[in-house]
Amino acid sequence: MRETLVEMLSGAGELSVETIVIRLAAAAVISCFIFLSYWLSHSGSIYSKKFNVSLVAMTLVTTTVMIVIGNNLALSLGMVGALSIVRYRTAIKDTRDTLYIFWTIVVGICCGAGDFRVAGIGTAFVFVMLLLFGRIKNDNRVLMIIRTTRTNEQRLEALIFQRFSRKATLRVKNTTDTSVEFIYELSRRVMNKDRKSTQSITDAVYALGNIEYFNTVAQNDDIGS
């Protein structure tokens, strides 16, 4: 019993250099597919070259950590304790970036443990899924930002209700002694339908008078919706 416990704590022995190189090489190959997937599924301002390169490096680092840990129970517990005191506060620009981070960690764990089959098949399924659905964006919302005088407050609210009924949701209302700012959210479909009217919403708003500005913003992934 004592010998078994000592064996569990000390590990099953060192790996050969050939085994280490093979596992790191497999992680490097699979990380290239992760790099390609991120490049294909991201576009515009949300694409980050540095983050994409970091995904490749993260895969290799995770693989290296798993090789070091191996079957050594004592070392794995010490590694968990060391990593638990590190706090990561990297801002995630796109929610899909979280998926890629977990993807690299899982691939690194699989390659570090020598389970190339799971790493390869899992990567193939995730790659195809992101290739098919990776470019989907939340671009179906429009924000109308209107600033006018306090005397126009009720008239403007009545106009928006008349044009869009309850389909325009008031998100923000900022007021001062002399002015008021409205931020309405509505779907792109409703906005496109309104454009078919004889008088555009822009002309109708400015017809009220004393309008400081009227901005229309497409709320999507590129502006961090």
C-alpha atoms as a PDB file:
ATOM      1  CA  MET A   1       0.000   0.000   0.000  1.00  0.00           C
ATOM      2  CA  ARG A   2       2.780   2.374   0.919  1.00  0.00           C
ATOM      3  CA  GLU A   3       4.706   1.610  -2.265  1.00  0.00           C
ATOM      4  CA  THR A   4       1.582   2.223  -4.369  1.00  0.00           C
ATOM      5  CA  LEU A   5       1.017   5.595  -2.720  1.00  0.00           C
ATOM      6  CA  VAL A   6       4.626   6.619  -3.266  1.00  0.00           C
ATOM      7  CA  GLU A   7       4.362   5.608  -6.924  1.00  0.00           C
ATOM      8  CA  MET A   8       1.236   7.714  -7.401  1.00  0.00           C
ATOM      9  CA  LEU A   9       2.898  10.757  -5.852  1.00  0.00           C
ATOM     10  CA  SER A  10       6.194  10.411  -7.690  1.00  0.00           C
ATOM     11  CA  GLY A  11       4.778   9.593 -11.125  1.00  0.00           C
ATOM     12  CA  ALA A  12       5.366   6.812 -13.618  1.00  0.00           C
ATOM     13  CA  GLY A  13       8.761   8.003 -14.807  1.00  0.00           C
ATOM     14  CA  GLU A  14      10.193  10.450 -17.299  1.00  0.00           C
ATOM     15  CA  LEU A  15       9.095  10.581 -20.928  1.00  0.00           C
ATOM     16  CA  SER A  16      11.560  10.185 -23.746  1.00  0.00           C
ATOM     17  CA  VAL A  17      12.585  13.152 -25.861  1.00  0.00           C
ATOM     18  CA  GLU A  18      10.928  11.539 -28.890  1.00  0.00           C
ATOM     19  CA  THR A  19       7.595  11.299 -27.075  1.00  0.00           C
ATOM     20  CA  ILE A  20       7.784  14.928 -25.961  1.00  0.00           C
ATOM     21  CA  VAL A  21       8.566  16.126 -29.487  1.00  0.00           C
ATOM     22  CA  ILE A  22       5.749  14.044 -30.985  1.00  0.00           C
ATOM     23  CA  ARG A  23       3.178  15.474 -28.551  1.00  0.00           C
ATOM     24  CA  LEU A  24       4.320  19.053 -29.088  1.00  0.00           C
ATOM     25  CA  ALA A  25       4.382  18.530 -32.868  1.00  0.00           C
ATOM     26  CA  ALA A  26       0.823  17.175 -32.803  1.00  0.00           C
ATOM     27  CA  ALA A  27      -0.286  20.178 -30.736  1.00  0.00           C
ATOM     28  CA  ALA A  28       1.414  22.526 -33.208  1.00  0.00           C
ATOM     29  CA  VAL A  29      -0.343  20.935 -36.188  1.00  0.00           C
ATOM     30  CA  ILE A  30      -3.763  21.036 -34.562  1.00  0.00           C
ATOM     31  CA  SER A  31      -3.204  24.625 -33.371  1.00  0.00           C
ATOM     32  CA  CYS A  32      -2.686  25.605 -37.020  1.00  0.00           C
ATOM     33  CA  PHE A  33      -6.271  24.497 -37.698  1.00  0.00           C
ATOM     34  CA  ILE A  34      -7.403  26.596 -34.730  1.00  0.00           C
ATOM     35  CA  PHE A  35      -5.485  29.539 -36.202  1.00  0.00           C
ATOM     36  CA  LEU A  36      -7.154  29.006 -39.592  1.00  0.00           C
ATOM     37  CA  SER A  37     -10.603  28.636 -38.027  1.00  0.00           C
ATOM     38  CA  TYR A  38     -10.262  31.897 -36.096  1.00  0.00           C
ATOM     39  CA  TRP A  39      -9.077  33.698 -39.236  1.00  0.00           C
ATOM     40  CA  LEU A  40     -12.007  32.387 -41.284  1.00  0.00           C
ATOM     41  CA  SER A  41     -14.733  32.986 -38.698  1.00  0.00           C
ATOM     42  CA  HIS A  42     -13.681  36.517 -37.720  1.00  0.00           C
ATOM     43  CA  SER A  43     -13.624  39.591 -39.909  1.00  0.00           C
ATOM     44  CA  GLY A  44     -13.497  43.351 -39.608  1.00  0.00           C
ATOM     45  CA  SER A  45     -12.440  45.086 -36.419  1.00  0.00           C
ATOM     46  CA  ILE A  46     -13.146  42.035 -34.237  1.00  0.00           C
ATOM     47  CA  TYR A  47     -10.253  40.096 -35.796  1.00  0.00           C
ATOM     48  CA  SER A  48      -7.054  40.256 -33.730  1.00  0.00           C
ATOM     49  CA  LYS A  49      -3.811  38.903 -35.166  1.00  0.00           C
ATOM     50  CA  LYS A  50      -2.136  38.942 -31.762  1.00  0.00           C
ATOM     51  CA  PHE A  51      -4.963  36.964 -30.173  1.00  0.00           C
ATOM     52  CA  ASN A  52      -4.855  34.438 -33.001  1.00  0.00           C
ATOM     53  CA  VAL A  53      -1.130  33.896 -32.505  1.00  0.00           C
ATOM     54  CA  SER A  54      -1.739  33.644 -28.750  1.00  0.00           C
ATOM     55  CA  LEU A  55      -4.143  30.753 -29.384  1.00  0.00           C
ATOM     56  CA  VAL A  56      -1.356  28.763 -31.040  1.00  0.00           C
ATOM     57  CA  ALA A  57       1.051  29.554 -28.222  1.00  0.00           C
ATOM     58  CA  MET A  58      -1.562  28.696 -25.598  1.00  0.00           C
ATOM     59  CA  THR A  59      -2.046  25.254 -27.137  1.00  0.00           C
ATOM     60  CA  LEU A  60       1.677  24.522 -26.945  1.00  0.00           C
ATOM     61  CA  VAL A  61       1.964  25.894 -23.406  1.00  0.00           C
ATOM     62  CA  THR A  62      -0.941  23.748 -22.195  1.00  0.00           C
ATOM     63  CA  THR A  63       0.598  20.705 -23.862  1.00  0.00           C
ATOM     64  CA  THR A  64       3.912  21.405 -22.161  1.00  0.00           C
ATOM     65  CA  VAL A  65       2.222  21.727 -18.763  1.00  0.00           C
ATOM     66  CA  MET A  66       0.407  18.417 -19.267  1.00  0.00           C
ATOM     67  CA  ILE A  67       3.666  16.708 -20.242  1.00  0.00           C
ATOM     68  CA  VAL A  68       5.323  18.016 -17.081  1.00  0.00           C
ATOM     69  CA  ILE A  69       2.438  16.928 -14.869  1.00  0.00           C
ATOM     70  CA  GLY A  70       2.031  13.498 -16.446  1.00  0.00           C
ATOM     71  CA  ASN A  71       0.891  10.981 -13.877  1.00  0.00           C
ATOM     72  CA  ASN A  72       2.528  12.814 -10.987  1.00  0.00           C
ATOM     73  CA  LEU A  73      -0.259  13.473  -8.508  1.00  0.00           C
ATOM     74  CA  ALA A  74       1.843  15.665  -6.215  1.00  0.00           C
ATOM     75  CA  LEU A  75       3.041  17.835  -9.088  1.00  0.00           C
ATOM     76  CA  SER A  76      -0.477  18.205 -10.507  1.00  0.00           C
ATOM     77  CA  LEU A  77      -1.822  19.368  -7.150  1.00  0.00           C
ATOM     78  CA  GLY A  78       1.018  21.839  -6.831  1.00  0.00           C
ATOM     79  CA  MET A  79       0.370  23.158 -10.338  1.00  0.00           C
ATOM     80  CA  VAL A  80      -3.324  23.673  -9.556  1.00  0.00           C
ATOM     81  CA  GLY A  81      -2.413  25.559  -6.412  1.00  0.00           C
ATOM     82  CA  ALA A  82       0.075  27.750  -8.265  1.00  0.00           C
ATOM     83  CA  LEU A  83      -2.352  28.597 -11.063  1.00  0.00           C
ATOM     84  CA  SER A  84      -5.203  29.294  -8.653  1.00  0.00           C
ATOM     85  CA  ILE A  85      -3.442  32.413  -7.328  1.00  0.00           C
ATOM     86  CA  VAL A  86      -3.091  33.908 -10.809  1.00  0.00           C
ATOM     87  CA  ARG A  87      -5.889  36.244 -11.849  1.00  0.00           C
ATOM     88  CA  TYR A  88      -6.561  36.788 -15.556  1.00  0.00           C
ATOM     89  CA  ARG A  89      -8.365  39.975 -16.552  1.00  0.00           C
ATOM     90  CA  THR A  90      -8.021  39.945 -20.329  1.00  0.00           C
ATOM     91  CA  ALA A  91     -10.973  41.702 -21.948  1.00  0.00           C
ATOM     92  CA  ILE A  92     -12.872  39.446 -24.353  1.00  0.00           C
ATOM     93  CA  LYS A  93     -13.925  41.449 -27.411  1.00  0.00           C
ATOM     94  CA  ASP A  94     -16.070  38.689 -28.901  1.00  0.00           C
ATOM     95  CA  THR A  95     -17.947  35.956 -27.042  1.00  0.00           C
ATOM     96  CA  ARG A  96     -16.582  33.438 -29.533  1.00  0.00           C
ATOM     97  CA  ASP A  97     -13.078  34.143 -28.222  1.00  0.00           C
ATOM     98  CA  THR A  98     -13.993  32.292 -25.033  1.00  0.00           C
ATOM     99  CA  LEU A  99     -14.769  29.213 -27.116  1.00  0.00           C
ATOM    100  CA  TYR A 100     -11.382  29.400 -28.825  1.00  0.00           C
ATOM    101  CA  ILE A 101      -9.601  29.698 -25.471  1.00  0.00           C
ATOM    102  CA  PHE A 102     -11.305  26.548 -24.184  1.00  0.00           C
ATOM    103  CA  TRP A 103     -10.603  24.847 -27.502  1.00  0.00           C
ATOM    104  CA  THR A 104      -6.864  25.459 -27.206  1.00  0.00           C
ATOM    105  CA  ILE A 105      -6.827  24.282 -23.576  1.00  0.00           C
ATOM    106  CA  VAL A 106      -8.668  21.048 -24.411  1.00  0.00           C
ATOM    107  CA  VAL A 107      -6.368  20.335 -27.370  1.00  0.00           C
ATOM    108  CA  GLY A 108      -3.338  21.011 -25.203  1.00  0.00           C
ATOM    109  CA  ILE A 109      -4.587  18.631 -22.517  1.00  0.00           C
ATOM    110  CA  CYS A 110      -5.319  15.887 -25.060  1.00  0.00           C
ATOM    111  CA  CYS A 111      -1.966  16.230 -26.822  1.00  0.00           C
ATOM    112  CA  GLY A 112      -0.082  16.471 -23.530  1.00  0.00           C
ATOM    113  CA  ALA A 113      -1.734  13.249 -22.400  1.00  0.00           C
ATOM    114  CA  GLY A 114      -0.952  11.572 -25.724  1.00  0.00           C
ATOM    115  CA  ASP A 115      -4.587  11.180 -26.782  1.00  0.00           C
ATOM    116  CA  PHE A 116      -4.197  12.434 -30.353  1.00  0.00           C
ATOM    117  CA  ARG A 117      -7.343  10.707 -31.597  1.00  0.00           C
ATOM    118  CA  VAL A 118      -9.656  12.699 -29.323  1.00  0.00           C
ATOM    119  CA  ALA A 119      -7.787  15.926 -30.107  1.00  0.00           C
ATOM    120  CA  GLY A 120      -7.975  15.351 -33.865  1.00  0.00           C
ATOM    121  CA  ILE A 121     -11.610  14.223 -34.067  1.00  0.00           C
ATOM    122  CA  GLY A 122     -12.777  16.933 -31.657  1.00  0.00           C
ATOM    123  CA  THR A 123     -10.908  19.599 -33.604  1.00  0.00           C
ATOM    124  CA  ALA A 124     -12.429  18.396 -36.877  1.00  0.00           C
ATOM    125  CA  PHE A 125     -15.977  18.663 -35.514  1.00  0.00           C
ATOM    126  CA  VAL A 126     -15.423  22.091 -33.936  1.00  0.00           C
ATOM    127  CA  PHE A 127     -13.670  23.368 -37.084  1.00  0.00           C
ATOM    128  CA  VAL A 128     -16.591  22.387 -39.325  1.00  0.00           C
ATOM    129  CA  MET A 129     -19.148  23.845 -36.907  1.00  0.00           C
ATOM    130  CA  LEU A 130     -17.347  27.195 -36.701  1.00  0.00           C
ATOM    131  CA  LEU A 131     -16.811  27.198 -40.464  1.00  0.00           C
ATOM    132  CA  LEU A 132     -20.569  26.907 -40.969  1.00  0.00           C
ATOM    133  CA  PHE A 133     -21.788  29.206 -38.199  1.00  0.00           C
ATOM    134  CA  GLY A 134     -18.745  31.259 -37.233  1.00  0.00           C
ATOM    135  CA  ARG A 135     -19.687  34.348 -39.247  1.00  0.00           C
ATOM    136  CA  ILE A 136     -23.132  34.774 -37.693  1.00  0.00           C
ATOM    137  CA  LYS A 137     -23.393  38.226 -36.118  1.00  0.00           C
ATOM    138  CA  ASN A 138     -25.851  40.038 -33.899  1.00  0.00           C
ATOM    139  CA  ASP A 139     -26.568  42.716 -36.480  1.00  0.00           C
ATOM    140  CA  ASN A 140     -30.367  42.773 -36.264  1.00  0.00           C
ATOM    141  CA  ARG A 141     -30.641  45.722 -33.872  1.00  0.00           C
ATOM    142  CA  VAL A 142     -30.652  49.453 -34.546  1.00  0.00           C
ATOM    143  CA  LEU A 143     -30.231  52.274 -32.041  1.00  0.00           C
ATOM    144  CA  MET A 144     -31.839  55.674 -32.582  1.00  0.00           C
ATOM    145  CA  ILE A 145     -30.113  58.423 -30.591  1.00  0.00           C
ATOM    146  CA  ILE A 146     -32.033  61.695 -30.501  1.00  0.00           C
ATOM    147  CA  ARG A 147     -31.201  64.866 -28.585  1.00  0.00           C
ATOM    148  CA  THR A 148     -33.666  67.736 -28.393  1.00  0.00           C
ATOM    149  CA  THR A 149     -34.934  70.432 -26.043  1.00  0.00           C
ATOM    150  CA  ARG A 150     -37.040  69.664 -22.973  1.00  0.00           C
ATOM    151  CA  THR A 151     -40.019  71.377 -24.599  1.00  0.00           C
ATOM    152  CA  ASN A 152     -40.017  68.663 -27.294  1.00  0.00           C
ATOM    153  CA  GLU A 153     -39.877  65.740 -24.858  1.00  0.00           C
ATOM    154  CA  GLN A 154     -43.525  64.679 -24.961  1.00  0.00           C
ATOM    155  CA  ARG A 155     -43.927  65.437 -28.654  1.00  0.00           C
ATOM    156  CA  LEU A 156     -40.940  63.288 -29.536  1.00  0.00           C
ATOM    157  CA  GLU A 157     -42.125  60.378 -27.389  1.00  0.00           C
ATOM    158  CA  ALA A 158     -45.543  60.593 -29.026  1.00  0.00           C
ATOM    159  CA  LEU A 159     -43.970  60.598 -32.504  1.00  0.00           C
ATOM    160  CA  ILE A 160     -41.852  57.508 -31.820  1.00  0.00           C
ATOM    161  CA  PHE A 161     -44.848  55.691 -30.346  1.00  0.00           C
ATOM    162  CA  GLN A 162     -46.971  56.662 -33.349  1.00  0.00           C
ATOM    163  CA  ARG A 163     -44.376  55.440 -35.863  1.00  0.00           C
ATOM    164  CA  PHE A 164     -43.223  52.237 -34.132  1.00  0.00           C
ATOM    165  CA  SER A 165     -45.802  51.574 -31.389  1.00  0.00           C
ATOM    166  CA  ARG A 166     -44.227  49.237 -28.817  1.00  0.00           C
ATOM    167  CA  LYS A 167     -41.641  47.930 -31.275  1.00  0.00           C
ATOM    168  CA  ALA A 168     -39.224  50.720 -30.308  1.00  0.00           C
ATOM    169  CA  THR A 169     -37.876  50.127 -26.803  1.00  0.00           C
ATOM    170  CA  LEU A 170     -36.607  53.086 -24.799  1.00  0.00           C
ATOM    171  CA  ARG A 171     -33.196  52.068 -23.429  1.00  0.00           C
ATOM    172  CA  VAL A 172     -31.741  55.349 -22.152  1.00  0.00           C
ATOM    173  CA  LYS A 173     -33.175  58.753 -21.337  1.00  0.00           C
ATOM    174  CA  ASN A 174     -30.701  61.449 -20.294  1.00  0.00           C
ATOM    175  CA  THR A 175     -32.001  64.845 -19.244  1.00  0.00           C
ATOM    176  CA  THR A 176     -30.605  68.235 -18.281  1.00  0.00           C
ATOM    177  CA  ASP A 177     -32.299  71.519 -17.427  1.00  0.00           C
ATOM    178  CA  THR A 178     -32.631  72.416 -21.096  1.00  0.00           C
ATOM    179  CA  SER A 179     -32.204  69.232 -23.151  1.00  0.00           C
ATOM    180  CA  VAL A 180     -33.130  65.549 -23.260  1.00  0.00           C
ATOM    181  CA  GLU A 181     -31.516  62.614 -25.044  1.00  0.00           C
ATOM    182  CA  PHE A 182     -33.356  59.425 -26.027  1.00  0.00           C
ATOM    183  CA  ILE A 183     -31.844  56.111 -27.084  1.00  0.00           C
ATOM    184  CA  TYR A 184     -34.376  53.753 -28.650  1.00  0.00           C
ATOM    185  CA  GLU A 185     -33.687  50.171 -29.713  1.00  0.00           C
ATOM    186  CA  LEU A 186     -35.610  48.450 -32.478  1.00  0.00           C
ATOM    187  CA  SER A 187     -35.079  45.615 -34.912  1.00  0.00           C
ATOM    188  CA  ARG A 188     -33.568  46.160 -38.334  1.00  0.00           C
ATOM    189  CA  ARG A 189     -36.683  44.627 -39.899  1.00  0.00           C
ATOM    190  CA  VAL A 190     -38.917  47.278 -38.306  1.00  0.00           C
ATOM    191  CA  MET A 191     -36.504  50.018 -39.353  1.00  0.00           C
ATOM    192  CA  ASN A 192     -36.435  48.814 -42.969  1.00  0.00           C
ATOM    193  CA  LYS A 193     -40.249  48.594 -43.011  1.00  0.00           C
ATOM    194  CA  ASP A 194     -40.526  52.189 -41.815  1.00  0.00           C
ATOM    195  CA  ARG A 195     -38.303  53.387 -44.648  1.00  0.00           C
ATOM    196  CA  LYS A 196     -41.113  52.557 -47.072  1.00  0.00           C
ATOM    197  CA  SER A 197     -43.257  55.334 -45.547  1.00  0.00           C
ATOM    198  CA  THR A 198     -43.868  58.522 -47.509  1.00  0.00           C
ATOM    199  CA  GLN A 199     -41.994  60.529 -44.865  1.00  0.00           C
ATOM    200  CA  SER A 200     -38.855  59.056 -43.323  1.00  0.00           C
ATOM    201  CA  ILE A 201     -38.424  58.944 -39.570  1.00  0.00           C
ATOM    202  CA  THR A 202     -35.499  61.360 -39.925  1.00  0.00           C
ATOM    203  CA  ASP A 203     -37.646  63.974 -41.666  1.00  0.00           C
ATOM    204  CA  ALA A 204     -40.458  63.445 -39.159  1.00  0.00           C
ATOM    205  CA  VAL A 205     -38.145  63.967 -36.196  1.00  0.00           C
ATOM    206  CA  TYR A 206     -36.489  67.092 -37.599  1.00  0.00           C
ATOM    207  CA  ALA A 207     -39.940  68.461 -38.474  1.00  0.00           C
ATOM    208  CA  LEU A 208     -40.551  68.842 -34.740  1.00  0.00           C
ATOM    209  CA  GLY A 209     -37.892  71.553 -34.604  1.00  0.00           C
ATOM    210  CA  ASN A 210     -35.144  72.198 -32.042  1.00  0.00           C
ATOM    211  CA  ILE A 211     -33.488  68.823 -32.755  1.00  0.00           C
ATOM    212  CA  GLU A 212     -29.786  68.938 -31.913  1.00  0.00           C
ATOM    213  CA  TYR A 213     -28.936  65.611 -33.573  1.00  0.00           C
ATOM    214  CA  PHE A 214     -30.482  62.328 -34.685  1.00  0.00           C
ATOM    215  CA  ASN A 215     -28.075  59.382 -35.053  1.00  0.00           C
ATOM    216  CA  THR A 216     -28.829  55.848 -36.215  1.00  0.00           C
ATOM    217  CA  VAL A 217     -26.372  53.163 -35.096  1.00  0.00           C
ATOM    218  CA  ALA A 218     -26.294  49.511 -36.189  1.00  0.00           C
ATOM    219  CA  GLN A 219     -25.670  47.521 -33.006  1.00  0.00           C
ATOM    220  CA  ASN A 220     -23.549  44.507 -33.911  1.00  0.00           C
ATOM    221  CA  ASP A 221     -20.399  42.608 -32.959  1.00  0.00           C
ATOM    222  CA  ASP A 222     -18.081  45.150 -34.613  1.00  0.00           C
ATOM    223  CA  ILE A 223     -18.935  47.812 -32.040  1.00  0.00           C
ATOM    224  CA  GLY A 224     -19.075  45.494 -29.063  1.00  0.00           C
ATOM    225  CA  SER A 225     -22.819  45.155 -28.709  1.00  0.00           C
END
